[in-house]
PDB file of N, CA and C in Angstrom:
ATOM      1  N   UNK A   1     -17.645   5.462 -11.216  1.00  0.00           N
ATOM      2  CA  UNK A   1     -16.957   4.755 -10.507  1.00  0.00           C
ATOM      3  C   UNK A   1     -17.468   4.119  -9.786  1.00  0.00           C
ATOM      4  N   UNK A   2     -17.326   2.939  -9.789  1.00  0.00           N
ATOM      5  CA  UNK A   2     -18.164   2.236  -9.069  1.00  0.00           C
ATOM      6  C   UNK A   2     -17.425   1.525  -7.523  1.00  0.00           C
ATOM      7  N   UNK A   3     -18.549   0.915  -6.865  1.00  0.00           N
ATOM      8  CA  UNK A   3     -17.697   0.803  -5.503  1.00  0.00           C
ATOM      9  C   UNK A   3     -17.016   0.074  -5.466  1.00  0.00           C
ATOM     10  N   UNK A   4     -16.426  -0.825  -6.005  1.00  0.00           N
ATOM     11  CA  UNK A   4     -15.535  -1.827  -5.268  1.00  0.00           C
ATOM     12  C   UNK A   4     -14.008  -1.345  -6.380  1.00  0.00           C
ATOM     13  N   UNK A   5     -14.301  -0.129  -7.057  1.00  0.00           N
ATOM     14  CA  UNK A   5     -13.164   0.321  -7.503  1.00  0.00           C
ATOM     15  C   UNK A   5     -12.492   1.606  -6.264  1.00  0.00           C
ATOM     16  N   UNK A   6     -14.367   1.960  -6.076  1.00  0.00           N
ATOM     17  CA  UNK A   6     -14.009   2.841  -4.705  1.00  0.00           C
ATOM     18  C   UNK A   6     -12.902   2.182  -3.241  1.00  0.00           C
ATOM     19  N   UNK A   7     -14.139   1.559  -2.920  1.00  0.00           N
ATOM     20  CA  UNK A   7     -13.222   0.584  -1.501  1.00  0.00           C
ATOM     21  C   UNK A   7     -11.655   0.759  -1.939  1.00  0.00           C
ATOM     22  N   UNK A   8     -11.119  -0.004  -3.138  1.00  0.00           N
ATOM     23  CA  UNK A   8      -9.650  -0.787  -3.740  1.00  0.00           C
ATOM     24  C   UNK A   8      -8.939   1.062  -4.272  1.00  0.00           C
ATOM     25  N   UNK A   9      -9.261   2.009  -3.707  1.00  0.00           N
ATOM     26  CA  UNK A   9      -8.757   3.682  -4.100  1.00  0.00           C
ATOM     27  C   UNK A   9      -8.733   3.496  -2.414  1.00  0.00           C
ATOM     28  N   UNK A  10      -9.480   3.590  -1.598  1.00  0.00           N
ATOM     29  CA  UNK A  10      -9.669   4.097  -0.372  1.00  0.00           C
ATOM     30  C   UNK A  10      -8.524   2.936   0.457  1.00  0.00           C
ATOM     31  N   UNK A  11      -8.250   1.462   0.166  1.00  0.00           N
ATOM     32  CA  UNK A  11      -7.307   0.989   0.953  1.00  0.00           C
ATOM     33  C   UNK A  11      -6.258   1.258  -0.159  1.00  0.00           C
ATOM     34  N   UNK A  12      -5.796   1.719  -1.048  1.00  0.00           N
ATOM     35  CA  UNK A  12      -4.323   1.933  -1.712  1.00  0.00           C
ATOM     36  C   UNK A  12      -4.245   3.988  -0.714  1.00  0.00           C
ATOM     37  N   UNK A  13      -5.000   4.193  -0.490  1.00  0.00           N
ATOM     38  CA  UNK A  13      -4.443   5.485   0.031  1.00  0.00           C
ATOM     39  C   UNK A  13      -4.538   5.400   1.810  1.00  0.00           C
ATOM     40  N   UNK A  14      -5.243   4.305   2.448  1.00  0.00           N
ATOM     41  CA  UNK A  14      -4.799   3.881   3.711  1.00  0.00           C
ATOM     42  C   UNK A  14      -3.361   3.773   3.075  1.00  0.00           C
ATOM     43  N   UNK A  15      -2.848   2.819   2.484  1.00  0.00           N
ATOM     44  CA  UNK A  15      -1.735   2.153   2.540  1.00  0.00           C
ATOM     45  C   UNK A  15      -0.919   3.212   2.489  1.00  0.00           C
ATOM     46  N   UNK A  16      -0.594   4.939   1.625  1.00  0.00           N
ATOM     47  CA  UNK A  16      -0.065   5.226   1.493  1.00  0.00           C
ATOM     48  C   UNK A  16      -0.270   6.132   2.578  1.00  0.00           C
ATOM     49  N   UNK A  17      -0.628   6.118   3.299  1.00  0.00           N
ATOM     50  CA  UNK A  17      -1.180   7.052   4.674  1.00  0.00           C
ATOM     51  C   UNK A  17       0.198   6.166   5.655  1.00  0.00           C
ATOM     52  N   UNK A  18      -0.017   5.243   5.800  1.00  0.00           N
ATOM     53  CA  UNK A  18       0.587   4.340   6.649  1.00  0.00           C
ATOM     54  C   UNK A  18       1.852   4.210   6.299  1.00  0.00           C
ATOM     55  N   UNK A  19       2.598   3.946   4.838  1.00  0.00           N
ATOM     56  CA  UNK A  19       3.551   4.196   4.707  1.00  0.00           C
ATOM     57  C   UNK A  19       4.675   5.631   4.569  1.00  0.00           C
ATOM     58  N   UNK A  20       3.576   6.653   4.362  1.00  0.00           N
ATOM     59  CA  UNK A  20       4.570   7.831   4.684  1.00  0.00           C
ATOM     60  C   UNK A  20       4.512   8.206   5.928  1.00  0.00           C
ATOM     61  N   UNK A  21       4.014   7.860   6.790  1.00  0.00           N
ATOM     62  CA  UNK A  21       3.977   7.770   8.021  1.00  0.00           C
ATOM     63  C   UNK A  21       5.530   7.275   8.055  1.00  0.00           C
ATOM     64  N   UNK A  22       5.835   6.029   8.072  1.00  0.00           N
ATOM     65  CA  UNK A  22       7.061   5.354   8.561  1.00  0.00           C
ATOM     66  C   UNK A  22       7.598   6.190   7.827  1.00  0.00           C
ATOM     67  N   UNK A  23       7.765   6.402   6.722  1.00  0.00           N
ATOM     68  CA  UNK A  23       8.892   6.972   5.751  1.00  0.00           C
ATOM     69  C   UNK A  23       9.132   8.421   6.483  1.00  0.00           C
ATOM     70  N   UNK A  24       8.457   9.318   7.268  1.00  0.00           N
ATOM     71  CA  UNK A  24       8.559  10.759   7.433  1.00  0.00           C
ATOM     72  C   UNK A  24       9.597   9.877   8.668  1.00  0.00           C
ATOM     73  N   UNK A  25       8.971   8.819   9.575  1.00  0.00           N
ATOM     74  CA  UNK A  25       9.231   8.666  11.203  1.00  0.00           C
ATOM     75  C   UNK A  25      10.971   8.506  10.834  1.00  0.00           C
ATOM     76  N   UNK A  26      11.214   8.147   9.904  1.00  0.00           N
ATOM     77  CA  UNK A  26      12.283   6.596   9.669  1.00  0.00           C
ATOM     78  C   UNK A  26      13.339   7.482   8.521  1.00  0.00           C
ATOM     79  N   UNK A  27      12.604   9.099   8.456  1.00  0.00           N
ATOM     80  CA  UNK A  27      13.408   9.741   7.570  1.00  0.00           C
ATOM     81  C   UNK A  27      13.780   8.974   6.260  1.00  0.00           C
ATOM     82  N   UNK A  28      13.458   7.885   5.622  1.00  0.00           N
ATOM     83  CA  UNK A  28      13.344   6.981   4.572  1.00  0.00           C
ATOM     84  C   UNK A  28      13.038   6.555   3.513  1.00  0.00           C
ATOM     85  N   UNK A  29      13.821   6.641   2.330  1.00  0.00           N
ATOM     86  CA  UNK A  29      12.231   6.629   0.698  1.00  0.00           C
ATOM     87  C   UNK A  29      12.572   5.272   1.292  1.00  0.00           C
ATOM     88  N   UNK A  30      13.442   4.553   1.388  1.00  0.00           N
ATOM     89  CA  UNK A  30      13.143   2.720   1.495  1.00  0.00           C
ATOM     90  C   UNK A  30      12.462   2.318   2.013  1.00  0.00           C
ATOM     91  N   UNK A  31      12.044   2.635   3.773  1.00  0.00           N
ATOM     92  CA  UNK A  31      11.223   2.415   4.481  1.00  0.00           C
ATOM     93  C   UNK A  31       9.916   2.260   3.810  1.00  0.00           C
ATOM     94  N   UNK A  32       9.773   3.862   3.309  1.00  0.00           N
ATOM     95  CA  UNK A  32       8.408   3.712   2.741  1.00  0.00           C
ATOM     96  C   UNK A  32       7.650   3.014   1.264  1.00  0.00           C
ATOM     97  N   UNK A  33       8.740   3.000   0.801  1.00  0.00           N
ATOM     98  CA  UNK A  33       8.518   2.108  -0.423  1.00  0.00           C
ATOM     99  C   UNK A  33       8.459   0.610   0.224  1.00  0.00           C
ATOM    100  N   UNK A  34       9.479  -0.404   1.438  1.00  0.00           N
ATOM    101  CA  UNK A  34       8.550  -1.663   1.919  1.00  0.00           C
ATOM    102  C   UNK A  34       7.549  -1.495   2.560  1.00  0.00           C
ATOM    103  N   UNK A  35       6.899  -0.775   3.368  1.00  0.00           N
ATOM    104  CA  UNK A  35       5.346  -1.048   3.842  1.00  0.00           C
ATOM    105  C   UNK A  35       5.153  -0.380   3.201  1.00  0.00           C
ATOM    106  N   UNK A  36       4.869   0.475   2.058  1.00  0.00           N
ATOM    107  CA  UNK A  36       3.880   0.249   0.916  1.00  0.00           C
ATOM    108  C   UNK A  36       3.375  -1.065   0.728  1.00  0.00           C
ATOM    109  N   UNK A  37       4.603  -1.443  -0.604  1.00  0.00           N
ATOM    110  CA  UNK A  37       4.999  -3.032  -0.787  1.00  0.00           C
ATOM    111  C   UNK A  37       3.801  -3.923   0.035  1.00  0.00           C
ATOM    112  N   UNK A  38       4.364  -3.860   2.019  1.00  0.00           N
ATOM    113  CA  UNK A  38       3.961  -5.151   2.639  1.00  0.00           C
ATOM    114  C   UNK A  38       2.160  -4.215   3.215  1.00  0.00           C
ATOM    115  N   UNK A  39       1.952  -3.014   3.390  1.00  0.00           N
ATOM    116  CA  UNK A  39       0.534  -2.723   3.103  1.00  0.00           C
ATOM    117  C   UNK A  39      -0.660  -3.447   1.519  1.00  0.00           C
ATOM    118  N   UNK A  40      -0.387  -3.414   0.383  1.00  0.00           N
ATOM    119  CA  UNK A  40      -1.088  -3.080  -0.551  1.00  0.00           C
ATOM    120  C   UNK A  40      -0.374  -5.080  -0.525  1.00  0.00           C
ATOM    121  N   UNK A  41       0.584  -5.639  -0.814  1.00  0.00           N
ATOM    122  CA  UNK A  41       0.502  -6.697  -0.694  1.00  0.00           C
ATOM    123  C   UNK A  41      -0.937  -7.599   0.616  1.00  0.00           C
ATOM    124  N   UNK A  42      -0.399  -6.947   1.945  1.00  0.00           N
ATOM    125  CA  UNK A  42      -1.401  -7.777   2.861  1.00  0.00           C
ATOM    126  C   UNK A  42      -2.862  -7.358   2.530  1.00  0.00           C
ATOM    127  N   UNK A  43      -3.401  -6.781   2.263  1.00  0.00           N
ATOM    128  CA  UNK A  43      -4.294  -6.375   1.719  1.00  0.00           C
ATOM    129  C   UNK A  43      -5.142  -7.329   0.217  1.00  0.00           C
ATOM    130  N   UNK A  44      -4.476  -7.402  -0.562  1.00  0.00           N
ATOM    131  CA  UNK A  44      -4.422  -8.444  -1.085  1.00  0.00           C
ATOM    132  C   UNK A  44      -5.016  -9.472  -1.366  1.00  0.00           C
ATOM    133  N   UNK A  45      -3.804 -10.346  -0.331  1.00  0.00           N
ATOM    134  CA  UNK A  45      -3.880 -11.332  -0.052  1.00  0.00           C
ATOM    135  C   UNK A  45      -4.602 -11.659   0.718  1.00  0.00           C
ATOM    136  N   UNK A  46      -5.765 -10.989   1.703  1.00  0.00           N
ATOM    137  CA  UNK A  46      -6.631 -11.187   2.582  1.00  0.00           C
ATOM    138  C   UNK A  46      -8.069 -10.694   1.643  1.00  0.00           C
ATOM    139  N   UNK A  47      -7.884 -10.182   0.366  1.00  0.00           N
ATOM    140  CA  UNK A  47      -8.995  -9.758  -0.040  1.00  0.00           C
ATOM    141  C   UNK A  47      -9.608  -8.458  -0.331  1.00  0.00           C
ATOM    142  N   UNK A  48      -8.806  -7.188   0.543  1.00  0.00           N
ATOM    143  CA  UNK A  48      -9.691  -6.294   0.661  1.00  0.00           C
ATOM    144  C   UNK A  48      -9.419  -5.612  -0.580  1.00  0.00           C
ATOM    145  N   UNK A  49      -8.704  -5.703  -1.348  1.00  0.00           N
ATOM    146  CA  UNK A  49      -8.209  -5.138  -2.703  1.00  0.00           C
ATOM    147  C   UNK A  49      -8.941  -6.286  -3.964  1.00  0.00           C
ATOM    148  N   UNK A  50      -9.730  -6.282  -4.236  1.00  0.00           N
ATOM    149  CA  UNK A  50      -9.814  -7.468  -5.350  1.00  0.00           C
ATOM    150  C   UNK A  50      -9.655  -6.581  -6.935  1.00  0.00           C
ATOM    151  N   UNK A  51      -9.309  -7.315  -7.537  1.00  0.00           N
ATOM    152  CA  UNK A  51      -8.833  -7.440  -8.974  1.00  0.00           C
ATOM    153  C   UNK A  51     -10.320  -7.698 -10.217  1.00  0.00           C
ATOM    154  N   UNK A  52     -10.295  -8.805  -9.860  1.00  0.00           N
ATOM    155  CA  UNK A  52     -12.146  -9.040 -10.582  1.00  0.00           C
ATOM    156  C   UNK A  52     -13.435  -9.361  -9.719  1.00  0.00           C
ATOM    157  N   UNK A  53     -14.201  -9.245  -9.637  1.00  0.00           N
ATOM    158  CA  UNK A  53     -15.484  -9.250  -9.494  1.00  0.00           C
ATOM    159  C   UNK A  53     -16.041 -10.633  -9.588  1.00  0.00           C
ATOM    160  N   UNK A  54     -15.083 -11.281 -11.013  1.00  0.00           N
ATOM    161  CA  UNK A  54     -15.930 -12.654 -11.108  1.00  0.00           C
ATOM    162  C   UNK A  54     -15.320 -13.698 -10.290  1.00  0.00           C
ATOM    163  N   UNK A  55     -13.818 -13.508  -9.888  1.00  0.00           N
ATOM    164  CA  UNK A  55     -12.540 -14.690  -9.279  1.00  0.00           C
ATOM    165  C   UNK A  55     -13.501 -14.920  -8.046  1.00  0.00           C
ATOM    166  N   UNK A  56     -12.997 -16.517  -7.995  1.00  0.00           N
ATOM    167  CA  UNK A  56     -13.447 -17.161  -6.808  1.00  0.00           C
ATOM    168  C   UNK A  56     -12.567 -17.679  -6.549  1.00  0.00           C
ATOM    169  N   UNK A  57     -11.693 -17.582  -5.108  1.00  0.00           N
ATOM    170  CA  UNK A  57     -10.632 -18.937  -4.817  1.00  0.00           C
ATOM    171  C   UNK A  57     -11.362 -19.439  -3.220  1.00  0.00           C
TER     172      UNK A  57
END
């Protein structure tokens, strides 16, 4: 596994932990999904999670 894939997996795991915490506190599966989607979207937006190493924006 390459370094980029390891970093992407770490960011997704972090998003899962945050979403799980929010879902447990509120006892809501919907909140879990919303927080998970928001965390992953924000990580993709700020380029923490990268899909292709050749993409230049």
